[in-house]
Amino acid sequence: MAAAIAETQFHVLAVDDSLPDRKLIERLLKTSSFQVTTVDSGTKALEFLGIHGQDTPISLHADHLQDVEVNVNLIITDYCMPGMTGYDLLKKIKESSSLRDIPVVIMSSENVPSRINRCLEEGANEFFLKPVRLSDMSKLKPHIMKSRCKEHCHHEEEDLLSNSNSNNSCNPTNNSSSDSSNPTNNNTDSANNSSGDSGNTRKRKATEDEILPKTSRSKAQLAAQL
């Protein structure tokens, strides 16, 4: 399973309002063998992810619309963006039951500890300082692998639970069948016991019939002798 996951080309959604930064992160991700989709705002990222119920991405560049998988394995977003910040996007993703398990990485050109801590506490997996480097890309795949393995284990637990419930639902019928068969066996045993008791009674009666004539003959013989 782990080998199959390792061979998969993972899909990363990159969000940044700066065109040069967006181009840089796209190049780094592709160099690291990731499939990449880029958008220039948090709102468009949510639309692409389908949180607002949109069936197709909106305002995406044509070169990114080719062979784009709906499934996103990781989201990397700039922190400072007009309208919806990277932190706001992170919160939206973690509030979504269908998206909360997707790893999220925040990028920022400002090293502000309180900002970094707030993002990590909200559920961000990493916080990169700009300019992002190629060495940072190696930190992404472990988060994706962990998320995929967690998802796989969750599905296995659901399957086991489902099978367990199915088996439990069959047991009452089997027990009922076993119980219903017991009265027949018990009745048969009772009939056999009754037949045995009747036979014993007849045997005892026959023995008594044999003894009584003998006793009567003995008395007659004594009377003749006298």
C-alpha atoms as a PDB file:
ATOM      1  CA  MET A   1       0.000   0.000   0.000  1.00  0.00           C
ATOM      2  CA  ALA A   2       2.775   2.445   0.969  1.00  0.00           C
ATOM      3  CA  ALA A   3       4.652   1.700  -2.273  1.00  0.00           C
ATOM      4  CA  ALA A   4       1.534   2.406  -4.347  1.00  0.00           C
ATOM      5  CA  ILE A   5       1.021   5.731  -2.571  1.00  0.00           C
ATOM      6  CA  ALA A   6       4.676   6.688  -3.043  1.00  0.00           C
ATOM      7  CA  GLU A   7       4.374   6.218  -6.825  1.00  0.00           C
ATOM      8  CA  THR A   8       1.309   8.482  -7.092  1.00  0.00           C
ATOM      9  CA  GLN A   9       1.733  11.994  -8.506  1.00  0.00           C
ATOM     10  CA  PHE A  10       0.188  14.169  -5.834  1.00  0.00           C
ATOM     11  CA  HIS A  11      -1.930  17.194  -6.677  1.00  0.00           C
ATOM     12  CA  VAL A  12      -1.117  20.495  -4.948  1.00  0.00           C
ATOM     13  CA  LEU A  13      -3.304  23.611  -5.003  1.00  0.00           C
ATOM     14  CA  ALA A  14      -1.104  26.739  -4.736  1.00  0.00           C
ATOM     15  CA  VAL A  15      -2.730  30.032  -3.683  1.00  0.00           C
ATOM     16  CA  ASP A  16      -0.923  33.378  -3.981  1.00  0.00           C
ATOM     17  CA  ASP A  17      -2.009  36.829  -5.165  1.00  0.00           C
ATOM     18  CA  SER A  18       1.536  37.650  -6.338  1.00  0.00           C
ATOM     19  CA  LEU A  19       2.186  36.454  -9.888  1.00  0.00           C
ATOM     20  CA  PRO A  20       6.005  36.134  -9.469  1.00  0.00           C
ATOM     21  CA  ASP A  21       5.570  34.166  -6.220  1.00  0.00           C
ATOM     22  CA  ARG A  22       2.871  32.017  -7.813  1.00  0.00           C
ATOM     23  CA  LYS A  23       5.137  31.217 -10.762  1.00  0.00           C
ATOM     24  CA  LEU A  24       8.001  30.393  -8.402  1.00  0.00           C
ATOM     25  CA  ILE A  25       6.003  27.976  -6.253  1.00  0.00           C
ATOM     26  CA  GLU A  26       4.565  26.364  -9.375  1.00  0.00           C
ATOM     27  CA  ARG A  27       8.026  25.759 -10.801  1.00  0.00           C
ATOM     28  CA  LEU A  28       9.341  24.340  -7.519  1.00  0.00           C
ATOM     29  CA  LEU A  29       6.379  22.001  -7.160  1.00  0.00           C
ATOM     30  CA  LYS A  30       6.624  20.711 -10.721  1.00  0.00           C
ATOM     31  CA  THR A  31      10.376  20.192 -10.293  1.00  0.00           C
ATOM     32  CA  SER A  32       9.495  18.032  -7.285  1.00  0.00           C
ATOM     33  CA  SER A  33       7.099  15.944  -9.423  1.00  0.00           C
ATOM     34  CA  PHE A  34       3.859  17.396  -8.066  1.00  0.00           C
ATOM     35  CA  GLN A  35       0.824  18.103 -10.193  1.00  0.00           C
ATOM     36  CA  VAL A  36       0.006  21.798  -9.677  1.00  0.00           C
ATOM     37  CA  THR A  37      -3.042  24.041  -9.902  1.00  0.00           C
ATOM     38  CA  THR A  38      -2.586  27.743  -9.107  1.00  0.00           C
ATOM     39  CA  VAL A  39      -5.152  30.404  -8.174  1.00  0.00           C
ATOM     40  CA  ASP A  40      -4.679  34.032  -7.141  1.00  0.00           C
ATOM     41  CA  SER A  41      -7.086  34.288  -4.179  1.00  0.00           C
ATOM     42  CA  GLY A  42      -8.587  32.361  -1.290  1.00  0.00           C
ATOM     43  CA  THR A  43     -12.062  32.782  -2.781  1.00  0.00           C
ATOM     44  CA  LYS A  44     -11.030  31.091  -6.028  1.00  0.00           C
ATOM     45  CA  ALA A  45      -9.351  28.339  -4.024  1.00  0.00           C
ATOM     46  CA  LEU A  46     -12.635  27.628  -2.228  1.00  0.00           C
ATOM     47  CA  GLU A  47     -14.495  27.676  -5.527  1.00  0.00           C
ATOM     48  CA  PHE A  48     -12.034  25.183  -6.988  1.00  0.00           C
ATOM     49  CA  LEU A  49     -12.428  22.945  -3.946  1.00  0.00           C
ATOM     50  CA  GLY A  50     -16.209  23.123  -4.306  1.00  0.00           C
ATOM     51  CA  ILE A  51     -17.026  24.503  -0.868  1.00  0.00           C
ATOM     52  CA  HIS A  52     -19.460  26.996  -2.391  1.00  0.00           C
ATOM     53  CA  GLY A  53     -21.136  24.288  -4.419  1.00  0.00           C
ATOM     54  CA  GLN A  54     -19.459  25.246  -7.711  1.00  0.00           C
ATOM     55  CA  ASP A  55     -19.182  22.309 -10.111  1.00  0.00           C
ATOM     56  CA  THR A  56     -16.192  23.734 -12.027  1.00  0.00           C
ATOM     57  CA  PRO A  57     -13.275  26.030 -11.174  1.00  0.00           C
ATOM     58  CA  ILE A  58     -13.851  29.721 -11.849  1.00  0.00           C
ATOM     59  CA  SER A  59     -11.382  32.148 -13.497  1.00  0.00           C
ATOM     60  CA  LEU A  60      -8.583  29.597 -13.677  1.00  0.00           C
ATOM     61  CA  HIS A  61      -5.959  29.880 -16.377  1.00  0.00           C
ATOM     62  CA  ALA A  62      -6.518  27.590 -19.357  1.00  0.00           C
ATOM     63  CA  ASP A  63      -3.149  25.870 -18.965  1.00  0.00           C
ATOM     64  CA  HIS A  64      -4.188  24.735 -15.487  1.00  0.00           C
ATOM     65  CA  LEU A  65      -7.577  23.415 -16.525  1.00  0.00           C
ATOM     66  CA  GLN A  66      -6.113  20.549 -18.538  1.00  0.00           C
ATOM     67  CA  ASP A  67      -6.129  17.166 -16.798  1.00  0.00           C
ATOM     68  CA  VAL A  68      -6.830  18.714 -13.400  1.00  0.00           C
ATOM     69  CA  GLU A  69      -8.031  16.196 -10.844  1.00  0.00           C
ATOM     70  CA  VAL A  70     -10.754  17.240  -8.478  1.00  0.00           C
ATOM     71  CA  ASN A  71      -8.911  15.476  -5.680  1.00  0.00           C
ATOM     72  CA  VAL A  72      -6.390  17.812  -4.002  1.00  0.00           C
ATOM     73  CA  ASN A  73      -3.737  16.238  -1.790  1.00  0.00           C
ATOM     74  CA  LEU A  74      -2.226  19.428  -0.323  1.00  0.00           C
ATOM     75  CA  ILE A  75      -2.883  23.180  -0.268  1.00  0.00           C
ATOM     76  CA  ILE A  76      -0.095  25.748  -0.016  1.00  0.00           C
ATOM     77  CA  THR A  77      -1.193  29.348   0.420  1.00  0.00           C
ATOM     78  CA  ASP A  78       0.254  32.787   0.993  1.00  0.00           C
ATOM     79  CA  TYR A  79      -0.692  34.394   4.315  1.00  0.00           C
ATOM     80  CA  CYS A  80      -1.094  38.032   3.240  1.00  0.00           C
ATOM     81  CA  MET A  81      -3.685  38.305   0.466  1.00  0.00           C
ATOM     82  CA  PRO A  82      -6.398  40.918  -0.148  1.00  0.00           C
ATOM     83  CA  GLY A  83      -9.923  39.940   0.781  1.00  0.00           C
ATOM     84  CA  MET A  84      -9.446  36.464   2.233  1.00  0.00           C
ATOM     85  CA  THR A  85      -6.100  35.891   3.948  1.00  0.00           C
ATOM     86  CA  GLY A  86      -4.300  32.590   4.043  1.00  0.00           C
ATOM     87  CA  TYR A  87      -5.365  32.229   7.683  1.00  0.00           C
ATOM     88  CA  ASP A  88      -9.029  32.736   6.717  1.00  0.00           C
ATOM     89  CA  LEU A  89      -8.668  30.120   3.980  1.00  0.00           C
ATOM     90  CA  LEU A  90      -7.095  27.706   6.465  1.00  0.00           C
ATOM     91  CA  LYS A  91     -10.052  28.141   8.842  1.00  0.00           C
ATOM     92  CA  LYS A  92     -12.571  27.543   6.052  1.00  0.00           C
ATOM     93  CA  ILE A  93     -10.819  24.335   5.040  1.00  0.00           C
ATOM     94  CA  LYS A  94     -10.631  23.007   8.593  1.00  0.00           C
ATOM     95  CA  GLU A  95     -14.318  23.807   9.133  1.00  0.00           C
ATOM     96  CA  SER A  96     -15.275  21.668   6.131  1.00  0.00           C
ATOM     97  CA  SER A  97     -15.995  18.021   6.955  1.00  0.00           C
ATOM     98  CA  SER A  98     -14.907  16.949   3.467  1.00  0.00           C
ATOM     99  CA  LEU A  99     -11.691  19.008   3.325  1.00  0.00           C
ATOM    100  CA  ARG A 100     -10.384  19.210   6.883  1.00  0.00           C
ATOM    101  CA  ASP A 101      -7.979  16.277   6.437  1.00  0.00           C
ATOM    102  CA  ILE A 102      -6.166  17.937   3.503  1.00  0.00           C
ATOM    103  CA  PRO A 103      -2.726  19.163   4.673  1.00  0.00           C
ATOM    104  CA  VAL A 104      -2.342  22.963   4.519  1.00  0.00           C
ATOM    105  CA  VAL A 105       0.965  24.865   4.329  1.00  0.00           C
ATOM    106  CA  ILE A 106       1.155  28.626   4.929  1.00  0.00           C
ATOM    107  CA  MET A 107       3.774  30.895   3.307  1.00  0.00           C
ATOM    108  CA  SER A 108       4.746  34.410   4.374  1.00  0.00           C
ATOM    109  CA  SER A 109       7.545  36.895   3.787  1.00  0.00           C
ATOM    110  CA  GLU A 110       7.196  38.131   7.386  1.00  0.00           C
ATOM    111  CA  ASN A 111       8.626  36.153  10.295  1.00  0.00           C
ATOM    112  CA  VAL A 112       6.013  36.916  12.955  1.00  0.00           C
ATOM    113  CA  PRO A 113       5.993  34.240  15.727  1.00  0.00           C
ATOM    114  CA  SER A 114       2.435  35.013  16.878  1.00  0.00           C
ATOM    115  CA  ARG A 115       1.177  34.647  13.293  1.00  0.00           C
ATOM    116  CA  ILE A 116       3.056  31.379  12.827  1.00  0.00           C
ATOM    117  CA  ASN A 117       1.738  29.953  16.121  1.00  0.00           C
ATOM    118  CA  ARG A 118      -1.820  30.984  15.318  1.00  0.00           C
ATOM    119  CA  CYS A 119      -1.710  29.183  11.977  1.00  0.00           C
ATOM    120  CA  LEU A 120      -0.181  26.034  13.469  1.00  0.00           C
ATOM    121  CA  GLU A 121      -2.770  26.000  16.249  1.00  0.00           C
ATOM    122  CA  GLU A 122      -5.544  26.318  13.676  1.00  0.00           C
ATOM    123  CA  GLY A 123      -4.270  23.183  11.922  1.00  0.00           C
ATOM    124  CA  ALA A 124      -1.573  24.260   9.447  1.00  0.00           C
ATOM    125  CA  ASN A 125       1.006  21.531   8.860  1.00  0.00           C
ATOM    126  CA  GLU A 126       3.918  23.822   7.975  1.00  0.00           C
ATOM    127  CA  PHE A 127       4.792  27.520   7.850  1.00  0.00           C
ATOM    128  CA  PHE A 128       7.334  28.485   5.177  1.00  0.00           C
ATOM    129  CA  LEU A 129       9.158  31.799   5.063  1.00  0.00           C
ATOM    130  CA  LYS A 130       9.498  33.351   1.603  1.00  0.00           C
ATOM    131  CA  PRO A 131      11.276  33.053  -0.663  1.00  0.00           C
ATOM    132  CA  VAL A 132      10.270  29.386  -0.711  1.00  0.00           C
ATOM    133  CA  ARG A 133      13.164  27.106  -1.649  1.00  0.00           C
ATOM    134  CA  LEU A 134      13.386  23.771  -3.391  1.00  0.00           C
ATOM    135  CA  SER A 135      14.473  22.134  -0.134  1.00  0.00           C
ATOM    136  CA  ASP A 136      11.107  23.123   1.376  1.00  0.00           C
ATOM    137  CA  MET A 137       9.330  20.924  -1.158  1.00  0.00           C
ATOM    138  CA  SER A 138      10.738  17.793   0.470  1.00  0.00           C
ATOM    139  CA  LYS A 139       8.680  18.610   3.584  1.00  0.00           C
ATOM    140  CA  LEU A 140       5.384  18.356   1.728  1.00  0.00           C
ATOM    141  CA  LYS A 141       5.235  14.704   0.769  1.00  0.00           C
ATOM    142  CA  PRO A 142       5.416  13.303   4.347  1.00  0.00           C
ATOM    143  CA  HIS A 143       2.284  15.278   5.258  1.00  0.00           C
ATOM    144  CA  ILE A 144       0.490  13.918   2.210  1.00  0.00           C
ATOM    145  CA  MET A 145       1.602  10.370   2.947  1.00  0.00           C
ATOM    146  CA  LYS A 146       0.401  10.649   6.539  1.00  0.00           C
ATOM    147  CA  SER A 147      -2.964  11.997   5.413  1.00  0.00           C
ATOM    148  CA  ARG A 148      -3.411   9.243   2.810  1.00  0.00           C
ATOM    149  CA  CYS A 149      -2.469   6.476   5.248  1.00  0.00           C
ATOM    150  CA  LYS A 150      -4.856   7.918   7.831  1.00  0.00           C
ATOM    151  CA  GLU A 151      -7.624   7.962   5.244  1.00  0.00           C
ATOM    152  CA  HIS A 152      -6.847   4.373   4.225  1.00  0.00           C
ATOM    153  CA  CYS A 153      -6.919   3.191   7.861  1.00  0.00           C
ATOM    154  CA  HIS A 154     -10.207   4.997   8.405  1.00  0.00           C
ATOM    155  CA  HIS A 155     -11.757   3.192   5.425  1.00  0.00           C
ATOM    156  CA  GLU A 156     -10.480  -0.148   6.727  1.00  0.00           C
ATOM    157  CA  GLU A 157     -12.052   0.525  10.144  1.00  0.00           C
ATOM    158  CA  GLU A 158     -15.358   1.368   8.468  1.00  0.00           C
ATOM    159  CA  ASP A 159     -15.231  -1.871   6.460  1.00  0.00           C
ATOM    160  CA  LEU A 160     -14.478  -3.931   9.576  1.00  0.00           C
ATOM    161  CA  LEU A 161     -17.319  -2.263  11.466  1.00  0.00           C
ATOM    162  CA  SER A 162     -19.688  -2.860   8.575  1.00  0.00           C
ATOM    163  CA  ASN A 163     -18.730  -6.545   8.370  1.00  0.00           C
ATOM    164  CA  SER A 164     -19.090  -6.909  12.130  1.00  0.00           C
ATOM    165  CA  ASN A 165     -22.584  -5.423  12.049  1.00  0.00           C
ATOM    166  CA  SER A 166     -23.533  -7.751   9.194  1.00  0.00           C
ATOM    167  CA  ASN A 167     -22.342 -10.801  11.127  1.00  0.00           C
ATOM    168  CA  ASN A 168     -24.186  -9.716  14.264  1.00  0.00           C
ATOM    169  CA  SER A 169     -27.405  -9.262  12.324  1.00  0.00           C
ATOM    170  CA  CYS A 170     -27.111 -12.866  11.073  1.00  0.00           C
ATOM    171  CA  ASN A 171     -26.476 -14.421  14.498  1.00  0.00           C
ATOM    172  CA  PRO A 172     -30.029 -14.055  15.917  1.00  0.00           C
ATOM    173  CA  THR A 173     -31.397 -16.023  12.957  1.00  0.00           C
ATOM    174  CA  ASN A 174     -28.851 -18.793  13.428  1.00  0.00           C
ATOM    175  CA  ASN A 175     -29.511 -18.956  17.147  1.00  0.00           C
ATOM    176  CA  SER A 176     -33.233 -18.977  16.510  1.00  0.00           C
ATOM    177  CA  SER A 177     -32.826 -21.830  14.041  1.00  0.00           C
ATOM    178  CA  SER A 178     -30.756 -23.773  16.545  1.00  0.00           C
ATOM    179  CA  ASP A 179     -33.256 -23.145  19.308  1.00  0.00           C
ATOM    180  CA  SER A 180     -36.186 -24.088  17.091  1.00  0.00           C
ATOM    181  CA  SER A 181     -34.512 -27.382  16.242  1.00  0.00           C
ATOM    182  CA  ASN A 182     -33.970 -28.278  19.892  1.00  0.00           C
ATOM    183  CA  PRO A 183     -37.656 -28.832  20.774  1.00  0.00           C
ATOM    184  CA  THR A 184     -37.894 -31.465  18.023  1.00  0.00           C
ATOM    185  CA  ASN A 185     -34.877 -33.259  19.383  1.00  0.00           C
ATOM    186  CA  ASN A 186     -36.247 -33.006  22.911  1.00  0.00           C
ATOM    187  CA  ASN A 187     -39.621 -34.374  21.789  1.00  0.00           C
ATOM    188  CA  THR A 188     -37.851 -37.275  20.075  1.00  0.00           C
ATOM    189  CA  ASP A 189     -35.913 -38.033  23.264  1.00  0.00           C
ATOM    190  CA  SER A 190     -39.125 -37.888  25.280  1.00  0.00           C
ATOM    191  CA  ALA A 191     -40.803 -40.258  22.857  1.00  0.00           C
ATOM    192  CA  ASN A 192     -37.876 -42.648  23.086  1.00  0.00           C
ATOM    193  CA  ASN A 193     -37.949 -42.505  26.885  1.00  0.00           C
ATOM    194  CA  SER A 194     -41.694 -43.150  26.898  1.00  0.00           C
ATOM    195  CA  SER A 195     -41.257 -46.121  24.570  1.00  0.00           C
ATOM    196  CA  GLY A 196     -38.528 -47.465  26.818  1.00  0.00           C
ATOM    197  CA  ASP A 197     -40.665 -47.135  29.958  1.00  0.00           C
ATOM    198  CA  SER A 198     -43.593 -48.929  28.268  1.00  0.00           C
ATOM    199  CA  GLY A 199     -41.310 -51.742  27.175  1.00  0.00           C
ATOM    200  CA  ASN A 200     -39.951 -52.163  30.707  1.00  0.00           C
ATOM    201  CA  THR A 201     -43.489 -52.279  32.093  1.00  0.00           C
ATOM    202  CA  ARG A 202     -44.470 -55.040  29.654  1.00  0.00           C
ATOM    203  CA  LYS A 203     -41.364 -57.020  30.540  1.00  0.00           C
ATOM    204  CA  ARG A 204     -42.114 -56.806  34.255  1.00  0.00           C
ATOM    205  CA  LYS A 205     -45.717 -57.943  33.645  1.00  0.00           C
ATOM    206  CA  ALA A 206     -44.576 -60.912  31.568  1.00  0.00           C
ATOM    207  CA  THR A 207     -42.184 -61.986  34.298  1.00  0.00           C
ATOM    208  CA  GLU A 208     -44.943 -61.832  36.898  1.00  0.00           C
ATOM    209  CA  ASP A 209     -47.227 -63.934  34.647  1.00  0.00           C
ATOM    210  CA  GLU A 210     -44.494 -66.536  34.368  1.00  0.00           C
ATOM    211  CA  ILE A 211     -43.910 -66.649  38.132  1.00  0.00           C
ATOM    212  CA  LEU A 212     -47.547 -66.890  39.189  1.00  0.00           C
ATOM    213  CA  PRO A 213     -48.409 -70.159  37.319  1.00  0.00           C
ATOM    214  CA  LYS A 214     -45.301 -71.792  38.750  1.00  0.00           C
ATOM    215  CA  THR A 215     -46.383 -70.854  42.229  1.00  0.00           C
ATOM    216  CA  SER A 216     -49.873 -72.219  41.624  1.00  0.00           C
ATOM    217  CA  ARG A 217     -48.476 -75.557  40.350  1.00  0.00           C
ATOM    218  CA  SER A 218     -46.265 -75.907  43.379  1.00  0.00           C
ATOM    219  CA  LYS A 219     -49.269 -75.544  45.687  1.00  0.00           C
ATOM    220  CA  ALA A 220     -51.270 -78.135  43.681  1.00  0.00           C
ATOM    221  CA  GLN A 221     -48.435 -80.660  43.904  1.00  0.00           C
ATOM    222  CA  LEU A 222     -48.232 -80.248  47.682  1.00  0.00           C
ATOM    223  CA  ALA A 223     -51.973 -80.753  48.011  1.00  0.00           C
ATOM    224  CA  ALA A 224     -51.819 -84.032  45.992  1.00  0.00           C
ATOM    225  CA  GLN A 225     -48.999 -85.365  48.135  1.00  0.00           C
ATOM    226  CA  LEU A 226     -50.994 -84.663  51.263  1.00  0.00           C
END
